[in-house]
C-alpha atoms as a PDB file:
ATOM      1  CA  MET A   1      89.372 124.241 113.554  1.00  0.00           C
ATOM      2  CA  LYS A   2      87.074 121.064 112.358  1.00  0.00           C
ATOM      3  CA  LYS A   3      87.629 118.301 111.098  1.00  0.00           C
ATOM      4  CA  ASN A   4      87.491 117.338 107.238  1.00  0.00           C
ATOM      5  CA  SER A   5      84.594 114.310 107.103  1.00  0.00           C
ATOM      6  CA  ILE A   6      85.339 113.860 103.231  1.00  0.00           C
ATOM      7  CA  ASN A   7      86.007 110.214 102.887  1.00  0.00           C
ATOM      8  CA  ILE A   8      84.883 109.203  99.310  1.00  0.00           C
ATOM      9  CA  LYS A   9      85.517 105.648  98.432  1.00  0.00           C
ATOM     10  CA  ASN A  10      85.207 103.784  95.325  1.00  0.00           C
ATOM     11  CA  LYS A  11      83.404 100.145  96.947  1.00  0.00           C
ATOM     12  CA  LYS A  12      83.793  98.328  93.605  1.00  0.00           C
ATOM     13  CA  ALA A  13      87.408  98.240  93.694  1.00  0.00           C
ATOM     14  CA  SER A  14      87.248  96.217  96.508  1.00  0.00           C
ATOM     15  CA  PHE A  15      84.674  93.895  95.036  1.00  0.00           C
ATOM     16  CA  ASN A  16      86.252  93.594  91.786  1.00  0.00           C
ATOM     17  CA  PHE A  17      89.825  93.629  92.069  1.00  0.00           C
ATOM     18  CA  GLN A  18      92.493  91.799  94.956  1.00  0.00           C
ATOM     19  CA  PHE A  19      94.551  94.726  96.235  1.00  0.00           C
ATOM     20  CA  LEU A  20      98.225  93.552  96.038  1.00  0.00           C
ATOM     21  CA  GLU A  21      99.631  97.385  97.171  1.00  0.00           C
ATOM     22  CA  LYS A  22      98.595 100.779  98.395  1.00  0.00           C
ATOM     23  CA  TYR A  23      99.616 104.139  98.099  1.00  0.00           C
ATOM     24  CA  ILE A  24      98.803 107.715  98.684  1.00  0.00           C
ATOM     25  CA  ALA A  25      98.497 110.324  96.230  1.00  0.00           C
ATOM     26  CA  GLY A  26      98.880 113.561  95.724  1.00  0.00           C
ATOM     27  CA  ILE A  27      96.329 114.451  92.995  1.00  0.00           C
ATOM     28  CA  GLN A  28      96.590 117.816  90.774  1.00  0.00           C
ATOM     29  CA  LEU A  29      93.301 119.965  91.143  1.00  0.00           C
ATOM     30  CA  THR A  30      92.558 123.057  89.378  1.00  0.00           C
ATOM     31  CA  GLY A  31      89.832 125.633  92.641  1.00  0.00           C
ATOM     32  CA  THR A  32      86.540 124.793  91.650  1.00  0.00           C
ATOM     33  CA  GLU A  33      87.485 121.358  91.815  1.00  0.00           C
ATOM     34  CA  ILE A  34      88.898 121.106  95.511  1.00  0.00           C
ATOM     35  CA  LYS A  35      86.085 123.197  96.133  1.00  0.00           C
ATOM     36  CA  SER A  36      83.179 120.748  94.976  1.00  0.00           C
ATOM     37  CA  ILE A  37      85.487 117.909  96.293  1.00  0.00           C
ATOM     38  CA  ARG A  38      85.268 119.663 100.018  1.00  0.00           C
ATOM     39  CA  LEU A  39      80.996 119.711  98.922  1.00  0.00           C
ATOM     40  CA  GLY A  40      81.828 115.810  98.342  1.00  0.00           C
ATOM     41  CA  LYS A  41      80.348 116.340  95.186  1.00  0.00           C
ATOM     42  CA  ALA A  42      82.763 113.518  94.035  1.00  0.00           C
ATOM     43  CA  SER A  43      82.437 110.081  92.790  1.00  0.00           C
ATOM     44  CA  LEU A  44      85.984 107.521  92.171  1.00  0.00           C
ATOM     45  CA  VAL A  45      83.583 104.826  90.245  1.00  0.00           C
ATOM     46  CA  ASP A  46      84.863 102.914  86.961  1.00  0.00           C
ATOM     47  CA  SER A  47      88.223 105.232  87.906  1.00  0.00           C
ATOM     48  CA  TYR A  48      91.700 104.017  86.947  1.00  0.00           C
ATOM     49  CA  CYS A  49      95.514 105.509  86.858  1.00  0.00           C
ATOM     50  CA  TYR A  50      97.719 105.235  83.649  1.00  0.00           C
ATOM     51  CA  PHE A  51     101.228 105.937  82.859  1.00  0.00           C
ATOM     52  CA  TYR A  52     101.325 108.577  80.150  1.00  0.00           C
ATOM     53  CA  GLY A  53     105.321 108.922  79.375  1.00  0.00           C
ATOM     54  CA  ASP A  54     107.039 109.028  83.612  1.00  0.00           C
ATOM     55  CA  GLU A  55     104.022 110.309  84.604  1.00  0.00           C
ATOM     56  CA  LEU A  56     100.804 109.012  86.476  1.00  0.00           C
ATOM     57  CA  TYR A  57      97.237 110.067  85.838  1.00  0.00           C
ATOM     58  CA  LEU A  58      93.855 109.367  87.296  1.00  0.00           C
ATOM     59  CA  LYS A  59      91.223 108.926  84.616  1.00  0.00           C
ATOM     60  CA  GLY A  60      87.887 108.282  85.112  1.00  0.00           C
ATOM     61  CA  MET A  61      87.150 110.253  88.246  1.00  0.00           C
ATOM     62  CA  HIS A  62      83.965 112.547  88.117  1.00  0.00           C
ATOM     63  CA  VAL A  63      84.171 116.064  89.972  1.00  0.00           C
ATOM     64  CA  ALA A  64      80.573 117.790  89.711  1.00  0.00           C
ATOM     65  CA  GLU A  65      80.602 121.505  88.798  1.00  0.00           C
ATOM     66  CA  TYR A  66      81.165 123.824  91.098  1.00  0.00           C
ATOM     67  CA  SER A  67      77.748 125.532  91.698  1.00  0.00           C
ATOM     68  CA  PHE A  68      79.460 129.097  91.852  1.00  0.00           C
ATOM     69  CA  GLY A  69      82.264 127.734  89.145  1.00  0.00           C
ATOM     70  CA  SER A  70      81.088 130.904  86.818  1.00  0.00           C
ATOM     71  CA  TYR A  71      82.883 130.415  83.088  1.00  0.00           C
ATOM     72  CA  ASN A  72      85.848 129.257  85.320  1.00  0.00           C
ATOM     73  CA  ASN A  73      84.225 125.668  86.359  1.00  0.00           C
ATOM     74  CA  HIS A  74      86.748 122.405  85.173  1.00  0.00           C
ATOM     75  CA  ASP A  75      85.862 119.936  83.075  1.00  0.00           C
ATOM     76  CA  PRO A  76      84.062 116.587  84.712  1.00  0.00           C
ATOM     77  CA  LYS A  77      86.127 114.056  83.800  1.00  0.00           C
ATOM     78  CA  ARG A  78      89.132 115.223  82.965  1.00  0.00           C
ATOM     79  CA  ASN A  79      92.034 113.078  83.553  1.00  0.00           C
ATOM     80  CA  ARG A  80      94.147 114.307  86.490  1.00  0.00           C
ATOM     81  CA  LYS A  81      97.752 114.160  87.248  1.00  0.00           C
ATOM     82  CA  LEU A  82      98.807 111.773  90.401  1.00  0.00           C
ATOM     83  CA  LEU A  83     101.597 113.325  92.200  1.00  0.00           C
ATOM     84  CA  LEU A  84     104.229 110.159  94.307  1.00  0.00           C
ATOM     85  CA  THR A  85     107.828 110.098  94.420  1.00  0.00           C
ATOM     86  CA  ARG A  86     109.708 109.055  91.505  1.00  0.00           C
ATOM     87  CA  PRO A  87     110.735 106.260  93.176  1.00  0.00           C
ATOM     88  CA  GLU A  88     107.505 105.182  93.645  1.00  0.00           C
ATOM     89  CA  LEU A  89     106.888 105.865  89.875  1.00  0.00           C
ATOM     90  CA  LYS A  90     108.991 103.250  88.767  1.00  0.00           C
ATOM     91  CA  LYS A  91     108.118 100.536  90.851  1.00  0.00           C
ATOM     92  CA  LEU A  92     104.987 101.202  90.569  1.00  0.00           C
ATOM     93  CA  LYS A  93     105.324 101.150  86.623  1.00  0.00           C
ATOM     94  CA  LYS A  94     107.381  97.992  86.188  1.00  0.00           C
ATOM     95  CA  LYS A  95     105.127  96.387  88.923  1.00  0.00           C
ATOM     96  CA  SER A  96     101.449  98.007  86.771  1.00  0.00           C
ATOM     97  CA  GLU A  97     103.361  95.827  82.885  1.00  0.00           C
ATOM     98  CA  GLU A  98     102.933  92.402  84.520  1.00  0.00           C
ATOM     99  CA  LYS A  99     100.298  90.721  83.205  1.00  0.00           C
ATOM    100  CA  GLY A 100      97.015  91.486  85.066  1.00  0.00           C
ATOM    101  CA  ASN A 101      97.892  93.844  87.413  1.00  0.00           C
ATOM    102  CA  THR A 102      96.301  97.338  87.478  1.00  0.00           C
ATOM    103  CA  ILE A 103      95.872 100.635  89.390  1.00  0.00           C
ATOM    104  CA  VAL A 104      93.096 101.853  90.565  1.00  0.00           C
ATOM    105  CA  ALA A 105      91.835 103.950  92.921  1.00  0.00           C
ATOM    106  CA  THR A 106      90.282 103.668  96.481  1.00  0.00           C
ATOM    107  CA  ARG A 107      89.938 106.217  98.297  1.00  0.00           C
ATOM    108  CA  LEU A 108      89.689 110.256  97.734  1.00  0.00           C
ATOM    109  CA  PHE A 109      90.314 112.033 101.393  1.00  0.00           C
ATOM    110  CA  ILE A 110      91.090 116.109 102.966  1.00  0.00           C
ATOM    111  CA  ASN A 111      94.101 115.329 105.157  1.00  0.00           C
ATOM    112  CA  GLU A 112      94.685 116.688 107.754  1.00  0.00           C
ATOM    113  CA  ARG A 113      96.818 119.684 105.773  1.00  0.00           C
ATOM    114  CA  GLY A 114      92.984 120.514 103.752  1.00  0.00           C
ATOM    115  CA  LEU A 115      95.079 118.613 101.098  1.00  0.00           C
ATOM    116  CA  ALA A 116      93.006 116.429  98.122  1.00  0.00           C
ATOM    117  CA  LYS A 117      95.083 112.733  98.512  1.00  0.00           C
ATOM    118  CA  VAL A 118      93.816 110.336  96.968  1.00  0.00           C
ATOM    119  CA  GLU A 119      94.870 106.337  98.157  1.00  0.00           C
ATOM    120  CA  ILE A 120      96.344 104.307  95.162  1.00  0.00           C
ATOM    121  CA  ALA A 121      96.006 100.223  94.399  1.00  0.00           C
ATOM    122  CA  LEU A 122      98.558  97.883  92.630  1.00  0.00           C
ATOM    123  CA  ALA A 123      95.344  94.809  91.652  1.00  0.00           C
ATOM    124  CA  ARG A 124      94.820  91.947  90.394  1.00  0.00           C
ATOM    125  CA  GLY A 125      91.354  91.173  88.685  1.00  0.00           C
ATOM    126  CA  LYS A 126      89.393  88.513  91.181  1.00  0.00           C
ATOM    127  CA  LYS A 127      88.140  85.404  89.601  1.00  0.00           C
ATOM    128  CA  GLU A 128      84.413  84.930  89.813  1.00  0.00           C
ATOM    129  CA  TYR A 129      84.666  82.465  92.278  1.00  0.00           C
ATOM    130  CA  ASP A 130      86.862  84.667  94.557  1.00  0.00           C
ATOM    131  CA  LYS A 131      83.937  87.447  94.077  1.00  0.00           C
ATOM    132  CA  ARG A 132      81.581  84.509  95.599  1.00  0.00           C
ATOM    133  CA  GLU A 133      83.656  83.459  98.236  1.00  0.00           C
ATOM    134  CA  ASP A 134      83.622  87.005  99.469  1.00  0.00           C
ATOM    135  CA  ILE A 135      80.327  87.665  99.187  1.00  0.00           C
ATOM    136  CA  LYS A 136      79.457  83.955 101.448  1.00  0.00           C
ATOM    137  CA  GLU A 137      81.991  85.628 103.501  1.00  0.00           C
ATOM    138  CA  ARG A 138      80.452  88.742 104.158  1.00  0.00           C
ATOM    139  CA  ASP A 139      76.530  86.431 104.745  1.00  0.00           C
ATOM    140  CA  MET A 140      78.277  85.172 107.372  1.00  0.00           C
ATOM    141  CA  LYS A 141      79.298  87.390 108.673  1.00  0.00           C
ATOM    142  CA  ARG A 142      76.045  89.527 109.103  1.00  0.00           C
ATOM    143  CA  GLN A 143      74.195  86.290 110.075  1.00  0.00           C
ATOM    144  CA  ILE A 144      76.987  86.838 113.652  1.00  0.00           C
ATOM    145  CA  SER A 145      76.050  89.950 114.608  1.00  0.00           C
ATOM    146  CA  ARG A 146      72.734  89.725 113.903  1.00  0.00           C
ATOM    147  CA  MET A 147      72.870  86.050 116.706  1.00  0.00           C
ATOM    148  CA  SER A 148      75.302  88.322 119.168  1.00  0.00           C
ATOM    149  CA  LYS A 149      72.335  91.119 119.092  1.00  0.00           C
ATOM    150  CA  LEU A 150      69.806  88.534 120.432  1.00  0.00           C
END
């Protein structure tokens, strides 16, 4: 059996947010959604999580319509329920209600059992000067790696 190479990342999230804690959550999908994800046709840009009652939902994740889906196809931008344990949900809800904290999706992948999983992070927004520091650090690392190759 071949190894699944589906690993869709939200690069924008790591630039805009500082991650405090990370969790792996299952995701409730329909048949055509999982087929589309296995083809790599999903995007996590501008996606975030919110609580509705005691359940956690992912909003803004785009899963392209499955090309062979016919009339059974799904809505590409629908809200998807995330599957976590009750203690994890309680902890996340409590911490996300603190000022400045939010929950963002950082990565979508298929695990070894063939199930779609989402890595979510409890995050705090970065200030403008933090972003500039990250850019400087990245440029310095890039220059050092170029020098070492010469």
